[in-house]
Amino acid sequence: MDNDVYGHVNNVVYYSWFDTAVNAHLIEQGALDIHAGDTIGLVIETQCNYFAPLAFPQTVEAGIRVARIGSSSVRYEVGLFAAGEALSAAAGHFVHVYVDRATRRPVSVPASLRTVLEALLVHP
């Protein structure tokens, strides 16, 4: 996913980075098994604001937090930063609805996942 014809990483890549940042954290915390878990998260909403271009080979860092935990859904907020920069190059959110892997019907956020999410929860 190198630079596009405009010399920067294309906007659709930012959504991939959002997904990677969140899922990597959940996997690392042992809260999500993307290959064999009974529960998976499906993205139902996403949004991004762009403030500065990012370009390969810059290193990109992501900060994640949880804005809301519902009974079966979670709103994640993500900031993307060029390594070492204090201001974000992009910020956005996406909402996962957690579903049964087989039926694709919503399920309650599992307790082990909820514990990991609560550690990221922003309290207004």
Protein backbone atom coordinates (compact mmCIF):
# COMPACT_ATOMS: atom_id res chain seq x y z
CA MET A 1 0.00 0.00 0.00
CA ASP A 2 2.64 2.43 -1.08
CA ASN A 3 1.97 6.01 -2.09
CA ASP A 4 -0.70 6.71 -4.69
CA VAL A 5 -0.26 8.93 -7.76
CA TYR A 6 -0.60 12.02 -5.56
CA GLY A 7 2.46 11.09 -3.51
CA HIS A 8 0.73 10.09 -0.30
CA VAL A 9 -0.99 7.05 1.13
CA ASN A 10 -4.51 6.80 -0.29
CA ASN A 11 -7.42 7.60 2.03
CA VAL A 12 -8.82 4.06 2.02
CA VAL A 13 -5.63 2.78 3.66
CA TYR A 14 -6.40 4.81 6.78
CA TYR A 15 -9.46 2.63 7.41
CA SER A 16 -7.27 -0.45 7.18
CA TRP A 17 -4.94 1.07 9.77
CA PHE A 18 -7.91 1.74 12.08
CA ASP A 19 -8.99 -1.88 11.82
CA THR A 20 -5.46 -3.21 12.29
CA ALA A 21 -4.79 -1.04 15.35
CA VAL A 22 -7.97 -2.11 17.15
CA ASN A 23 -7.89 -5.78 16.24
CA ALA A 24 -4.16 -6.09 17.01
CA HIS A 25 -4.78 -4.68 20.49
CA LEU A 26 -7.70 -7.02 21.13
CA ILE A 27 -5.75 -10.04 19.89
CA GLU A 28 -2.67 -9.09 21.96
CA GLN A 29 -4.88 -8.78 25.06
CA GLY A 30 -6.36 -12.24 24.45
CA ALA A 31 -9.85 -10.79 24.00
CA LEU A 32 -10.38 -11.72 20.33
CA ASP A 33 -9.69 -14.90 18.37
CA ILE A 34 -10.22 -13.97 14.73
CA HIS A 35 -9.74 -17.55 13.52
CA ALA A 36 -11.70 -19.70 15.95
CA GLY A 37 -13.63 -17.47 18.34
CA ASP A 38 -17.40 -17.79 18.57
CA THR A 39 -17.81 -14.00 18.51
CA ILE A 40 -16.51 -11.63 15.82
CA GLY A 41 -16.87 -7.91 15.26
CA LEU A 42 -18.43 -6.53 12.08
CA VAL A 43 -17.92 -2.89 11.13
CA ILE A 44 -21.24 -1.10 10.67
CA GLU A 45 -20.08 2.53 10.64
CA THR A 46 -16.84 4.34 9.93
CA GLN A 47 -15.63 7.92 9.52
CA CYS A 48 -12.29 9.70 9.11
CA ASN A 49 -11.03 13.30 9.11
CA TYR A 50 -7.70 14.01 7.43
CA PHE A 51 -5.40 16.75 8.73
CA ALA A 52 -2.01 16.04 7.13
CA PRO A 53 -0.75 13.61 4.49
CA LEU A 54 1.14 10.46 5.37
CA ALA A 55 3.54 8.92 2.87
CA PHE A 56 5.59 5.78 2.57
CA PRO A 57 8.14 5.17 4.11
CA GLN A 58 6.95 7.17 7.15
CA THR A 59 6.26 5.13 10.25
CA VAL A 60 2.65 5.52 11.35
CA GLU A 61 1.56 5.20 14.98
CA ALA A 62 -2.02 4.72 16.10
CA GLY A 63 -3.72 5.66 19.35
CA ILE A 64 -7.00 3.95 20.21
CA ARG A 65 -9.72 4.54 22.74
CA VAL A 66 -13.28 3.41 23.32
CA ALA A 67 -15.98 6.08 23.32
CA ARG A 68 -18.96 3.81 24.03
CA ILE A 69 -19.69 0.21 24.94
CA GLY A 70 -23.23 -0.95 24.27
CA SER A 71 -24.76 -4.36 24.83
CA SER A 72 -23.48 -5.70 21.49
CA SER A 73 -21.62 -2.76 19.96
CA VAL A 74 -18.50 -0.70 20.58
CA ARG A 75 -17.45 2.69 19.19
CA TYR A 76 -13.68 2.92 18.76
CA GLU A 77 -11.87 6.20 18.14
CA VAL A 78 -8.48 6.15 16.46
CA GLY A 79 -5.81 8.78 15.88
CA LEU A 80 -3.07 8.21 13.30
CA PHE A 81 0.25 9.99 13.76
CA ALA A 82 3.47 10.24 11.79
CA ALA A 83 6.05 8.77 14.19
CA GLY A 84 7.21 11.38 16.68
CA GLU A 85 4.54 13.94 15.79
CA ALA A 86 2.34 15.40 18.52
CA LEU A 87 -0.60 16.22 16.23
CA SER A 88 -2.62 13.56 14.45
CA ALA A 89 -2.51 13.26 10.68
CA ALA A 90 -5.99 11.71 10.78
CA ALA A 91 -8.65 10.88 13.34
CA GLY A 92 -11.78 8.85 13.03
CA HIS A 93 -14.01 6.20 14.45
CA PHE A 94 -15.67 2.94 13.64
CA VAL A 95 -18.36 0.88 15.28
CA HIS A 96 -18.17 -2.87 15.67
CA VAL A 97 -21.26 -4.93 16.32
CA TYR A 98 -20.28 -8.20 17.89
CA VAL A 99 -22.03 -11.18 16.34
CA ASP A 100 -22.09 -14.95 16.52
CA ARG A 101 -19.60 -16.23 13.94
CA ALA A 102 -22.02 -18.85 12.56
CA THR A 103 -25.35 -17.00 12.58
CA ARG A 104 -24.05 -13.42 12.16
CA ARG A 105 -26.68 -12.35 14.71
CA PRO A 106 -25.73 -9.79 17.40
CA VAL A 107 -24.57 -11.13 20.75
CA SER A 108 -23.64 -9.46 24.02
CA VAL A 109 -20.06 -8.26 24.20
CA PRO A 110 -18.27 -11.16 25.93
CA ALA A 111 -17.09 -10.45 29.48
CA SER A 112 -13.40 -10.96 28.64
CA LEU A 113 -13.68 -8.51 25.75
CA ARG A 114 -15.66 -6.01 27.83
CA THR A 115 -12.88 -5.99 30.44
CA VAL A 116 -10.27 -5.07 27.80
CA LEU A 117 -12.58 -2.44 26.29
CA GLU A 118 -13.31 -0.82 29.65
CA ALA A 119 -9.57 -0.17 30.09
CA LEU A 120 -9.73 1.98 26.92
CA LEU A 121 -13.02 3.68 27.76
CA VAL A 122 -13.01 7.49 27.80
CA HIS A 123 -15.09 8.91 30.61
CA PRO A 124 -16.57 12.31 29.73
